[in-house]
């Protein structure tokens, strides 16, 4: 083997190994939970429906999700098999509170953003909510597993449940399974106003 070939191999092999490692890491962290392109069939996302009320439905122009309010701390559960793709704690200037958003992916077509909004009015309480998130980026979670505990810190405490299809916000209600729809319909009849999906 000539000296030039040895040098070339000495340079190319580490590049290929590093690129392969980085590519594998990216695939491990961002590969979808499910290979099927079919939409998810979703269970109810709140562990104890007795402490839940519906604050608002999906409004195409003004509200890109469904808000589940609560009157005590409550676990948020995976409604189907999901991969966690991002977690962010930040100050929502519009609402005047801290919140933690969890981004999740079902397949290449459908993904979710769940906003834990405990009505934390300062960063300390915002960080306490962040610590109550039970999942990590890259993790695959199965239906019924705990995503996190929504901490009740004020009367505005709620979960904002957003769903996207090919990057466009859609109403999650239409993808609930039969049992989850019945439960949601019962709550909507008590607390809802107008159509669930508008």
N, C-alpha and C. Protein backbone atom coordinates (compact mmCIF):
# COMPACT_ATOMS: atom_id res chain seq x y z
N UNK A 1 0.86 -1.17 0.00
CA UNK A 1 0.00 0.00 0.00
C UNK A 1 0.90 1.23 0.00
N UNK A 2 0.60 2.15 -0.88
CA UNK A 2 1.44 3.34 -1.00
C UNK A 2 1.21 4.29 0.19
N UNK A 3 2.15 5.17 0.37
CA UNK A 3 2.08 6.14 1.49
C UNK A 3 0.87 7.06 1.35
N UNK A 4 0.54 7.46 0.12
CA UNK A 4 -0.61 8.35 -0.12
C UNK A 4 -1.92 7.67 0.26
N UNK A 5 -2.04 6.39 -0.07
CA UNK A 5 -3.26 5.64 0.26
C UNK A 5 -3.40 5.50 1.77
N UNK A 6 -2.28 5.22 2.46
CA UNK A 6 -2.30 5.10 3.92
C UNK A 6 -2.74 6.41 4.57
N UNK A 7 -2.20 7.53 4.08
CA UNK A 7 -2.58 8.85 4.61
C UNK A 7 -4.06 9.11 4.36
N UNK A 8 -4.51 8.82 3.14
CA UNK A 8 -5.91 9.03 2.78
C UNK A 8 -6.83 8.19 3.68
N UNK A 9 -6.49 6.92 3.88
CA UNK A 9 -7.28 6.06 4.76
C UNK A 9 -7.23 6.55 6.21
N UNK A 10 -6.06 7.02 6.62
CA UNK A 10 -5.90 7.55 7.98
C UNK A 10 -6.76 8.77 8.24
N UNK A 11 -7.07 9.52 7.20
CA UNK A 11 -7.93 10.70 7.33
C UNK A 11 -9.40 10.32 7.17
N UNK A 12 -9.70 9.48 6.19
CA UNK A 12 -11.10 9.15 5.88
C UNK A 12 -11.76 8.28 6.95
N UNK A 13 -11.04 7.30 7.48
CA UNK A 13 -11.65 6.38 8.44
C UNK A 13 -12.16 7.12 9.68
N UNK A 14 -11.37 8.02 10.31
CA UNK A 14 -11.93 8.75 11.46
C UNK A 14 -13.12 9.63 11.10
N UNK A 15 -13.10 10.22 9.90
CA UNK A 15 -14.24 11.05 9.47
C UNK A 15 -15.50 10.21 9.35
N UNK A 16 -15.37 9.02 8.74
CA UNK A 16 -16.52 8.13 8.58
C UNK A 16 -17.04 7.66 9.95
N UNK A 17 -16.12 7.32 10.85
CA UNK A 17 -16.52 6.87 12.19
C UNK A 17 -17.25 7.98 12.95
N UNK A 18 -16.71 9.20 12.90
CA UNK A 18 -17.34 10.33 13.60
C UNK A 18 -18.70 10.65 12.99
N UNK A 19 -18.77 10.72 11.65
CA UNK A 19 -20.03 11.02 10.98
C UNK A 19 -21.08 9.95 11.28
N UNK A 20 -20.66 8.67 11.27
CA UNK A 20 -21.59 7.59 11.58
C UNK A 20 -22.10 7.68 13.01
N UNK A 21 -21.20 8.00 13.94
CA UNK A 21 -21.60 8.14 15.34
C UNK A 21 -22.59 9.28 15.54
N UNK A 22 -22.31 10.43 14.91
CA UNK A 22 -23.22 11.57 15.03
C UNK A 22 -24.56 11.28 14.37
N UNK A 23 -24.50 10.62 13.21
CA UNK A 23 -25.74 10.25 12.52
C UNK A 23 -26.57 9.28 13.34
N UNK A 24 -25.90 8.29 13.94
CA UNK A 24 -26.60 7.32 14.80
C UNK A 24 -27.21 7.99 16.01
N UNK A 25 -26.48 8.94 16.59
CA UNK A 25 -27.01 9.68 17.75
C UNK A 25 -28.26 10.47 17.35
N UNK A 26 -28.19 11.15 16.19
CA UNK A 26 -29.35 11.93 15.73
C UNK A 26 -30.55 11.02 15.47
N UNK A 27 -30.31 9.86 14.83
CA UNK A 27 -31.41 8.94 14.58
C UNK A 27 -31.99 8.40 15.88
N UNK A 28 -31.14 8.08 16.84
CA UNK A 28 -31.61 7.56 18.12
C UNK A 28 -32.49 8.57 18.84
N UNK A 29 -32.12 9.84 18.77
CA UNK A 29 -32.86 10.87 19.49
C UNK A 29 -34.11 11.36 18.77
N UNK A 30 -34.15 11.27 17.44
CA UNK A 30 -35.25 11.91 16.71
C UNK A 30 -36.03 10.97 15.81
N UNK A 31 -35.70 9.70 15.81
CA UNK A 31 -36.48 8.74 15.03
C UNK A 31 -37.87 8.65 15.64
N UNK A 32 -38.93 8.56 14.83
CA UNK A 32 -40.27 8.52 15.42
C UNK A 32 -40.52 7.25 16.22
N UNK A 33 -41.51 7.30 17.08
CA UNK A 33 -41.85 6.15 17.92
C UNK A 33 -42.50 5.04 17.11
N UNK A 34 -43.22 5.42 16.05
CA UNK A 34 -44.00 4.46 15.26
C UNK A 34 -43.66 4.65 13.79
N UNK A 35 -43.53 3.54 13.07
CA UNK A 35 -43.20 3.62 11.64
C UNK A 35 -44.42 3.82 10.75
N UNK A 36 -45.57 3.42 11.20
CA UNK A 36 -46.78 3.55 10.39
C UNK A 36 -47.08 5.02 10.12
N UNK A 37 -47.66 5.30 8.95
CA UNK A 37 -48.05 6.68 8.64
C UNK A 37 -49.49 6.97 9.07
N UNK A 38 -50.15 5.96 9.65
CA UNK A 38 -51.54 6.12 10.09
C UNK A 38 -51.60 7.08 11.28
N UNK A 39 -52.72 7.75 11.47
CA UNK A 39 -52.87 8.64 12.64
C UNK A 39 -52.94 7.83 13.93
N UNK A 40 -52.59 8.46 15.05
CA UNK A 40 -52.68 7.75 16.32
C UNK A 40 -54.12 7.57 16.78
N UNK A 41 -54.34 6.53 17.58
CA UNK A 41 -55.61 6.35 18.26
C UNK A 41 -55.31 6.62 19.73
N UNK A 42 -55.80 7.75 20.24
CA UNK A 42 -55.29 8.29 21.50
C UNK A 42 -56.20 8.00 22.68
N UNK A 43 -55.55 7.65 23.80
CA UNK A 43 -56.24 7.51 25.08
C UNK A 43 -56.35 8.89 25.72
N UNK A 44 -57.13 8.98 26.80
CA UNK A 44 -57.27 10.24 27.51
C UNK A 44 -55.94 10.58 28.18
N UNK A 45 -55.46 11.82 28.06
CA UNK A 45 -54.10 12.14 28.51
C UNK A 45 -53.94 12.52 29.98
N UNK A 46 -55.02 12.52 30.76
CA UNK A 46 -54.94 12.93 32.16
C UNK A 46 -55.29 11.74 33.05
N UNK A 47 -54.47 11.51 34.08
CA UNK A 47 -54.65 10.32 34.91
C UNK A 47 -55.99 10.33 35.67
N UNK A 48 -56.36 11.44 36.24
CA UNK A 48 -57.57 11.50 37.06
C UNK A 48 -58.54 12.52 36.47
N UNK A 49 -59.51 12.04 35.72
CA UNK A 49 -60.45 12.95 35.06
C UNK A 49 -61.37 13.67 36.04
N UNK A 50 -61.42 13.21 37.29
CA UNK A 50 -62.28 13.84 38.29
C UNK A 50 -61.78 15.23 38.69
N UNK A 51 -60.53 15.54 38.43
CA UNK A 51 -59.99 16.85 38.81
C UNK A 51 -59.83 17.76 37.60
N UNK A 52 -60.39 17.35 36.47
CA UNK A 52 -60.20 18.07 35.21
C UNK A 52 -61.45 18.82 34.80
N UNK A 53 -61.25 19.99 34.22
CA UNK A 53 -62.31 20.70 33.51
C UNK A 53 -61.70 21.22 32.20
N UNK A 54 -62.52 21.39 31.21
CA UNK A 54 -62.04 21.85 29.91
C UNK A 54 -62.10 23.37 29.89
N UNK A 55 -60.94 23.99 29.67
CA UNK A 55 -60.90 25.46 29.62
C UNK A 55 -61.19 25.99 28.22
N UNK A 56 -60.79 25.25 27.22
CA UNK A 56 -61.00 25.77 25.86
C UNK A 56 -60.76 24.71 24.81
N UNK A 57 -61.52 24.79 23.73
CA UNK A 57 -61.37 23.87 22.62
C UNK A 57 -60.44 24.42 21.56
N UNK A 58 -60.27 23.66 20.50
CA UNK A 58 -59.42 24.04 19.38
C UNK A 58 -60.12 25.10 18.53
N UNK A 59 -59.45 26.20 18.28
CA UNK A 59 -59.96 27.26 17.41
C UNK A 59 -58.90 27.55 16.36
N UNK A 60 -59.20 27.22 15.13
CA UNK A 60 -58.19 27.26 14.06
C UNK A 60 -57.43 28.58 14.00
N UNK A 61 -58.11 29.68 14.19
CA UNK A 61 -57.47 30.99 14.06
C UNK A 61 -56.84 31.50 15.35
N UNK A 62 -57.36 31.04 16.51
CA UNK A 62 -56.94 31.68 17.77
C UNK A 62 -56.36 30.75 18.83
N UNK A 63 -56.62 29.43 18.74
CA UNK A 63 -56.17 28.54 19.81
C UNK A 63 -55.81 27.17 19.22
N UNK A 64 -54.51 26.86 19.20
CA UNK A 64 -54.04 25.68 18.46
C UNK A 64 -53.99 24.41 19.31
N UNK A 65 -54.94 24.24 20.20
CA UNK A 65 -54.99 23.03 21.01
C UNK A 65 -56.21 23.01 21.90
N UNK A 66 -56.22 22.05 22.82
CA UNK A 66 -57.29 21.93 23.81
C UNK A 66 -56.66 22.14 25.18
N UNK A 67 -57.30 22.94 26.02
CA UNK A 67 -56.79 23.21 27.37
C UNK A 67 -57.57 22.40 28.40
N UNK A 68 -56.81 21.60 29.18
CA UNK A 68 -57.37 20.84 30.28
C UNK A 68 -56.99 21.54 31.58
N UNK A 69 -57.96 22.15 32.26
CA UNK A 69 -57.71 22.79 33.54
C UNK A 69 -57.82 21.77 34.66
N UNK A 70 -57.27 22.10 35.82
CA UNK A 70 -57.38 21.19 36.96
C UNK A 70 -57.48 21.99 38.24
N UNK A 71 -57.94 21.32 39.30
CA UNK A 71 -58.05 21.99 40.59
C UNK A 71 -57.11 21.37 41.63
N UNK A 72 -56.20 20.53 41.18
CA UNK A 72 -55.16 19.94 42.02
C UNK A 72 -54.06 19.42 41.10
N UNK A 73 -52.92 19.07 41.64
CA UNK A 73 -51.85 18.51 40.81
C UNK A 73 -52.30 17.17 40.24
N UNK A 74 -51.87 16.90 38.99
CA UNK A 74 -52.35 15.68 38.32
C UNK A 74 -51.30 15.21 37.31
N UNK A 75 -51.21 13.88 37.14
CA UNK A 75 -50.27 13.31 36.17
C UNK A 75 -50.82 13.40 34.76
N UNK A 76 -49.93 13.73 33.83
CA UNK A 76 -50.24 13.71 32.40
C UNK A 76 -49.63 12.42 31.86
N UNK A 77 -50.45 11.63 31.16
CA UNK A 77 -50.05 10.31 30.67
C UNK A 77 -49.87 10.32 29.15
N UNK A 78 -49.01 9.45 28.67
CA UNK A 78 -48.84 9.28 27.22
C UNK A 78 -50.13 8.69 26.65
N UNK A 79 -50.70 9.32 25.65
CA UNK A 79 -51.97 8.92 25.04
C UNK A 79 -51.75 7.87 23.96
N UNK A 80 -50.50 7.67 23.54
CA UNK A 80 -50.12 6.65 22.59
C UNK A 80 -48.60 6.50 22.69
N UNK A 81 -48.01 5.64 21.91
CA UNK A 81 -46.56 5.49 21.92
C UNK A 81 -45.93 6.75 21.33
N UNK A 82 -44.92 7.31 21.99
CA UNK A 82 -44.35 8.60 21.60
C UNK A 82 -42.85 8.62 21.84
N UNK A 83 -42.16 9.46 21.09
CA UNK A 83 -40.75 9.76 21.37
C UNK A 83 -40.66 11.22 21.82
N UNK A 84 -39.92 11.47 22.88
CA UNK A 84 -39.72 12.83 23.38
C UNK A 84 -38.64 13.50 22.53
N UNK A 85 -38.98 14.61 21.90
CA UNK A 85 -38.02 15.29 21.02
C UNK A 85 -37.53 16.63 21.56
N UNK A 86 -38.15 17.14 22.61
CA UNK A 86 -37.69 18.40 23.18
C UNK A 86 -38.43 18.75 24.46
N UNK A 87 -37.72 19.44 25.35
CA UNK A 87 -38.31 19.94 26.59
C UNK A 87 -37.77 21.35 26.80
N UNK A 88 -38.66 22.31 27.06
CA UNK A 88 -38.24 23.71 27.21
C UNK A 88 -39.03 24.39 28.32
N UNK A 89 -38.32 25.00 29.26
CA UNK A 89 -38.96 25.81 30.30
C UNK A 89 -38.70 27.27 29.98
N UNK A 90 -39.75 28.09 30.01
CA UNK A 90 -39.62 29.49 29.59
C UNK A 90 -40.71 30.34 30.22
N UNK A 91 -40.49 31.66 30.13
CA UNK A 91 -41.46 32.61 30.64
C UNK A 91 -42.39 33.05 29.51
N UNK A 92 -43.66 32.79 29.69
CA UNK A 92 -44.69 33.15 28.71
C UNK A 92 -45.14 34.58 29.00
N UNK A 93 -44.61 35.53 28.25
CA UNK A 93 -44.92 36.94 28.51
C UNK A 93 -46.39 37.25 28.30
N UNK A 94 -46.99 36.59 27.32
CA UNK A 94 -48.41 36.84 27.04
C UNK A 94 -49.28 36.44 28.24
N UNK A 95 -48.97 35.27 28.83
CA UNK A 95 -49.74 34.79 29.98
C UNK A 95 -49.23 35.31 31.30
N UNK A 96 -47.96 35.76 31.33
CA UNK A 96 -47.37 36.27 32.56
C UNK A 96 -46.98 35.16 33.54
N UNK A 97 -46.58 34.00 33.01
CA UNK A 97 -46.24 32.87 33.88
C UNK A 97 -45.16 32.01 33.24
N UNK A 98 -44.53 31.17 34.06
CA UNK A 98 -43.55 30.20 33.59
C UNK A 98 -44.25 28.91 33.21
N UNK A 99 -43.72 28.23 32.20
CA UNK A 99 -44.30 26.96 31.78
C UNK A 99 -43.22 26.06 31.19
N UNK A 100 -43.51 24.78 31.10
CA UNK A 100 -42.60 23.81 30.49
C UNK A 100 -43.33 23.13 29.34
N UNK A 101 -42.75 23.22 28.15
CA UNK A 101 -43.32 22.59 26.97
C UNK A 101 -42.57 21.30 26.66
N UNK A 102 -43.31 20.24 26.40
CA UNK A 102 -42.72 18.95 26.04
C UNK A 102 -43.16 18.64 24.61
N UNK A 103 -42.17 18.42 23.74
CA UNK A 103 -42.43 18.09 22.33
C UNK A 103 -42.30 16.58 22.15
N UNK A 104 -43.28 16.00 21.47
CA UNK A 104 -43.32 14.55 21.29
C UNK A 104 -43.67 14.21 19.85
N UNK A 105 -43.14 13.07 19.38
CA UNK A 105 -43.40 12.65 18.01
C UNK A 105 -44.00 11.26 18.01
N UNK A 106 -45.06 11.09 17.22
CA UNK A 106 -45.69 9.78 17.05
C UNK A 106 -45.07 9.08 15.84
N UNK A 107 -45.19 9.72 14.69
CA UNK A 107 -44.53 9.23 13.48
C UNK A 107 -44.07 10.44 12.67
N UNK A 108 -43.65 10.23 11.44
CA UNK A 108 -43.13 11.36 10.66
C UNK A 108 -44.22 12.39 10.35
N UNK A 109 -45.47 12.00 10.47
CA UNK A 109 -46.58 12.88 10.09
C UNK A 109 -47.20 13.63 11.28
N UNK A 110 -47.24 12.99 12.45
CA UNK A 110 -47.96 13.56 13.60
C UNK A 110 -47.01 13.81 14.78
N UNK A 111 -47.08 15.02 15.32
CA UNK A 111 -46.33 15.33 16.54
C UNK A 111 -47.16 16.22 17.44
N UNK A 112 -46.67 16.38 18.67
CA UNK A 112 -47.44 17.04 19.72
C UNK A 112 -46.57 18.02 20.50
N UNK A 113 -47.23 19.04 21.06
CA UNK A 113 -46.60 19.93 22.03
C UNK A 113 -47.54 20.03 23.22
N UNK A 114 -47.06 19.56 24.36
CA UNK A 114 -47.84 19.60 25.58
C UNK A 114 -47.22 20.66 26.48
N UNK A 115 -48.00 21.65 26.84
CA UNK A 115 -47.51 22.76 27.66
C UNK A 115 -48.03 22.59 29.09
N UNK A 116 -47.09 22.35 30.01
CA UNK A 116 -47.42 22.28 31.43
C UNK A 116 -47.44 23.70 31.95
N UNK A 117 -48.63 24.23 32.21
CA UNK A 117 -48.79 25.61 32.65
C UNK A 117 -49.36 25.62 34.07
N UNK A 118 -48.47 25.57 35.08
CA UNK A 118 -48.93 25.48 36.47
C UNK A 118 -49.32 26.82 37.08
N UNK A 119 -49.24 27.84 36.29
CA UNK A 119 -49.46 29.23 36.74
C UNK A 119 -48.37 29.63 37.73
N UNK A 120 -47.12 29.26 37.36
CA UNK A 120 -45.96 29.63 38.15
C UNK A 120 -45.60 31.08 37.85
N UNK A 121 -45.69 31.94 38.83
CA UNK A 121 -45.49 33.37 38.61
C UNK A 121 -44.04 33.81 38.81
N UNK A 122 -43.17 32.88 39.19
CA UNK A 122 -41.75 33.23 39.27
C UNK A 122 -40.91 32.05 38.80
N UNK A 123 -39.64 32.31 38.55
CA UNK A 123 -38.76 31.29 37.97
C UNK A 123 -38.56 30.09 38.89
N UNK A 124 -38.54 30.33 40.19
CA UNK A 124 -38.36 29.23 41.14
C UNK A 124 -39.46 28.19 40.97
N UNK A 125 -40.72 28.66 40.94
CA UNK A 125 -41.83 27.73 40.77
C UNK A 125 -41.86 27.14 39.35
N UNK A 126 -41.39 27.91 38.38
CA UNK A 126 -41.26 27.39 37.02
C UNK A 126 -40.28 26.23 36.97
N UNK A 127 -39.18 26.36 37.69
CA UNK A 127 -38.18 25.29 37.71
C UNK A 127 -38.67 24.07 38.49
N UNK A 128 -39.50 24.30 39.51
CA UNK A 128 -40.09 23.17 40.23
C UNK A 128 -40.98 22.37 39.27
N UNK A 129 -41.74 23.08 38.42
CA UNK A 129 -42.55 22.38 37.42
C UNK A 129 -41.65 21.62 36.44
N UNK A 130 -40.56 22.24 36.01
CA UNK A 130 -39.64 21.56 35.09
C UNK A 130 -39.11 20.27 35.70
N UNK A 131 -38.83 20.30 37.00
CA UNK A 131 -38.33 19.10 37.68
C UNK A 131 -39.38 18.01 37.80
N UNK A 132 -40.65 18.36 37.62
CA UNK A 132 -41.74 17.38 37.73
C UNK A 132 -41.99 16.65 36.41
N UNK A 133 -41.23 16.99 35.36
CA UNK A 133 -41.34 16.28 34.09
C UNK A 133 -40.58 14.97 34.24
N UNK A 134 -41.22 13.86 33.90
CA UNK A 134 -40.66 12.53 34.18
C UNK A 134 -39.90 11.92 33.01
N UNK A 135 -39.87 12.60 31.86
CA UNK A 135 -39.25 12.02 30.67
C UNK A 135 -38.03 12.82 30.26
N UNK A 136 -37.23 12.24 29.38
CA UNK A 136 -36.01 12.88 28.86
C UNK A 136 -36.05 12.88 27.34
N UNK A 137 -35.36 13.83 26.75
CA UNK A 137 -35.28 13.90 25.28
C UNK A 137 -34.66 12.62 24.74
N UNK A 138 -35.27 12.08 23.69
CA UNK A 138 -34.81 10.85 23.07
C UNK A 138 -35.53 9.62 23.57
N UNK A 139 -36.20 9.71 24.69
CA UNK A 139 -36.87 8.57 25.31
C UNK A 139 -38.14 8.20 24.55
N UNK A 140 -38.37 6.90 24.39
CA UNK A 140 -39.65 6.42 23.86
C UNK A 140 -40.51 6.03 25.04
N UNK A 141 -41.75 6.50 25.04
CA UNK A 141 -42.68 6.19 26.12
C UNK A 141 -43.91 5.51 25.53
N UNK A 142 -44.47 4.59 26.29
CA UNK A 142 -45.64 3.83 25.84
C UNK A 142 -46.92 4.43 26.41
N UNK A 143 -48.02 4.10 25.77
CA UNK A 143 -49.32 4.59 26.21
C UNK A 143 -49.53 4.28 27.68
N UNK A 144 -49.96 5.29 28.44
CA UNK A 144 -50.25 5.13 29.85
C UNK A 144 -49.09 5.48 30.77
N UNK A 145 -47.88 5.64 30.23
CA UNK A 145 -46.75 6.03 31.07
C UNK A 145 -46.82 7.51 31.40
N UNK A 146 -46.25 7.89 32.54
CA UNK A 146 -46.32 9.28 33.00
C UNK A 146 -45.33 10.14 32.24
N UNK A 147 -45.82 11.24 31.67
CA UNK A 147 -44.96 12.25 31.04
C UNK A 147 -44.47 13.22 32.10
N UNK A 148 -45.36 13.61 32.98
CA UNK A 148 -44.99 14.53 34.04
C UNK A 148 -46.17 14.85 34.93
N UNK A 149 -45.87 15.46 36.05
CA UNK A 149 -46.90 15.89 36.99
C UNK A 149 -47.15 17.38 36.78
N UNK A 150 -48.39 17.73 36.44
CA UNK A 150 -48.77 19.14 36.36
C UNK A 150 -49.02 19.61 37.78
N UNK A 151 -48.25 20.58 38.23
CA UNK A 151 -48.36 21.08 39.60
C UNK A 151 -49.39 22.20 39.66
N UNK A 152 -50.31 22.08 40.57
CA UNK A 152 -51.32 23.13 40.75
C UNK A 152 -50.70 24.27 41.56
N UNK A 153 -50.55 25.44 40.91
CA UNK A 153 -49.95 26.59 41.59
C UNK A 153 -50.84 27.83 41.50
N UNK A 154 -52.03 27.68 40.97
CA UNK A 154 -52.93 28.81 40.85
C UNK A 154 -54.14 28.43 40.02
N UNK A 155 -55.15 29.29 40.05
CA UNK A 155 -56.43 28.96 39.40
C UNK A 155 -56.34 28.85 37.89
N UNK A 156 -55.26 29.34 37.29
CA UNK A 156 -55.10 29.22 35.84
C UNK A 156 -54.37 27.96 35.42
N UNK A 157 -54.05 27.07 36.35
CA UNK A 157 -53.28 25.86 36.05
C UNK A 157 -53.98 25.02 34.99
N UNK A 158 -53.23 24.66 33.94
CA UNK A 158 -53.80 23.82 32.89
C UNK A 158 -52.71 23.19 32.03
N UNK A 159 -53.14 22.21 31.27
CA UNK A 159 -52.32 21.58 30.22
C UNK A 159 -52.85 22.07 28.89
N UNK A 160 -51.95 22.59 28.06
CA UNK A 160 -52.33 22.92 26.69
C UNK A 160 -51.88 21.74 25.83
N UNK A 161 -52.82 21.10 25.16
CA UNK A 161 -52.57 19.90 24.37
C UNK A 161 -52.66 20.27 22.89
N UNK A 162 -51.50 20.39 22.24
CA UNK A 162 -51.47 20.75 20.82
C UNK A 162 -51.00 19.59 19.97
N UNK A 163 -51.54 19.50 18.75
CA UNK A 163 -51.20 18.41 17.83
C UNK A 163 -51.00 18.98 16.44
N UNK A 164 -50.01 18.43 15.72
CA UNK A 164 -49.75 18.87 14.34
C UNK A 164 -49.71 17.68 13.39
N UNK A 165 -50.23 17.94 12.19
CA UNK A 165 -50.17 16.98 11.10
C UNK A 165 -49.38 17.63 9.98
N UNK A 166 -48.24 17.06 9.64
CA UNK A 166 -47.35 17.63 8.62
C UNK A 166 -47.04 19.10 8.92
N UNK A 167 -46.87 19.44 10.19
CA UNK A 167 -46.48 20.79 10.59
C UNK A 167 -47.63 21.76 10.77
N UNK A 168 -48.86 21.33 10.49
CA UNK A 168 -50.03 22.21 10.62
C UNK A 168 -50.86 21.81 11.84
N UNK A 169 -51.26 22.79 12.65
CA UNK A 169 -52.05 22.53 13.84
C UNK A 169 -53.40 21.96 13.48
N UNK A 170 -53.79 20.89 14.19
CA UNK A 170 -55.09 20.25 13.97
C UNK A 170 -55.74 19.98 15.33
N UNK A 171 -57.03 19.71 15.31
CA UNK A 171 -57.77 19.44 16.54
C UNK A 171 -57.52 17.99 17.00
N UNK A 172 -57.00 17.81 18.20
CA UNK A 172 -56.70 16.45 18.68
C UNK A 172 -57.93 15.59 18.95
N UNK A 173 -59.07 16.22 19.20
CA UNK A 173 -60.27 15.49 19.59
C UNK A 173 -60.61 14.36 18.62
N UNK A 174 -60.46 14.62 17.33
CA UNK A 174 -60.88 13.65 16.31
C UNK A 174 -60.07 12.35 16.36
N UNK A 175 -58.94 12.34 17.09
CA UNK A 175 -58.08 11.16 17.15
C UNK A 175 -58.22 10.39 18.46
N UNK A 176 -59.10 10.85 19.36
CA UNK A 176 -59.32 10.14 20.62
C UNK A 176 -60.00 8.80 20.36
N UNK A 177 -59.62 7.77 21.12
CA UNK A 177 -60.30 6.49 20.98
C UNK A 177 -61.70 6.60 21.59
N UNK A 178 -62.51 5.57 21.44
CA UNK A 178 -63.91 5.62 21.86
C UNK A 178 -64.06 5.97 23.33
N UNK A 179 -63.30 5.31 24.19
CA UNK A 179 -63.40 5.55 25.63
C UNK A 179 -62.99 6.98 25.98
N UNK A 180 -61.91 7.46 25.37
CA UNK A 180 -61.43 8.82 25.64
C UNK A 180 -62.44 9.86 25.14
N UNK A 181 -63.06 9.59 23.99
CA UNK A 181 -64.06 10.52 23.46
C UNK A 181 -65.27 10.61 24.38
N UNK A 182 -65.71 9.47 24.90
CA UNK A 182 -66.86 9.48 25.81
C UNK A 182 -66.55 10.31 27.05
N UNK A 183 -65.37 10.13 27.59
CA UNK A 183 -64.95 10.89 28.78
C UNK A 183 -64.86 12.38 28.45
N UNK A 184 -64.23 12.69 27.31
CA UNK A 184 -64.10 14.09 26.91
C UNK A 184 -65.48 14.71 26.69
N UNK A 185 -66.37 13.99 26.01
CA UNK A 185 -67.72 14.52 25.74
C UNK A 185 -68.47 14.83 27.03
N UNK A 186 -68.29 13.98 28.04
CA UNK A 186 -68.92 14.22 29.34
C UNK A 186 -68.41 15.52 29.95
N UNK A 187 -67.09 15.71 29.92
CA UNK A 187 -66.51 16.94 30.46
C UNK A 187 -66.91 18.15 29.64
N UNK A 188 -66.93 18.00 28.32
CA UNK A 188 -67.28 19.12 27.44
C UNK A 188 -68.73 19.56 27.67
N UNK A 189 -69.61 18.59 27.92
CA UNK A 189 -71.02 18.92 28.17
C UNK A 189 -71.16 19.79 29.42
N UNK A 190 -70.26 19.62 30.38
CA UNK A 190 -70.32 20.41 31.61
C UNK A 190 -69.60 21.75 31.46
N UNK A 191 -68.41 21.72 30.85
CA UNK A 191 -67.55 22.90 30.88
C UNK A 191 -67.36 23.59 29.52
N UNK A 192 -67.65 22.89 28.44
CA UNK A 192 -67.33 23.42 27.11
C UNK A 192 -68.26 24.50 26.64
N UNK A 193 -67.84 25.16 25.59
CA UNK A 193 -68.62 26.24 25.02
C UNK A 193 -68.50 26.17 23.50
N UNK A 194 -69.60 25.89 22.81
CA UNK A 194 -69.56 25.78 21.37
C UNK A 194 -69.00 24.45 20.90
N UNK A 195 -68.46 24.42 19.70
CA UNK A 195 -67.88 23.20 19.15
C UNK A 195 -66.51 22.94 19.76
N UNK A 196 -66.16 21.65 19.89
CA UNK A 196 -64.84 21.29 20.40
C UNK A 196 -63.77 21.70 19.41
N UNK A 197 -64.03 21.40 18.13
CA UNK A 197 -63.09 21.76 17.05
C UNK A 197 -63.76 22.77 16.16
N UNK A 198 -63.22 23.96 16.10
CA UNK A 198 -63.85 25.03 15.30
C UNK A 198 -62.85 25.53 14.27
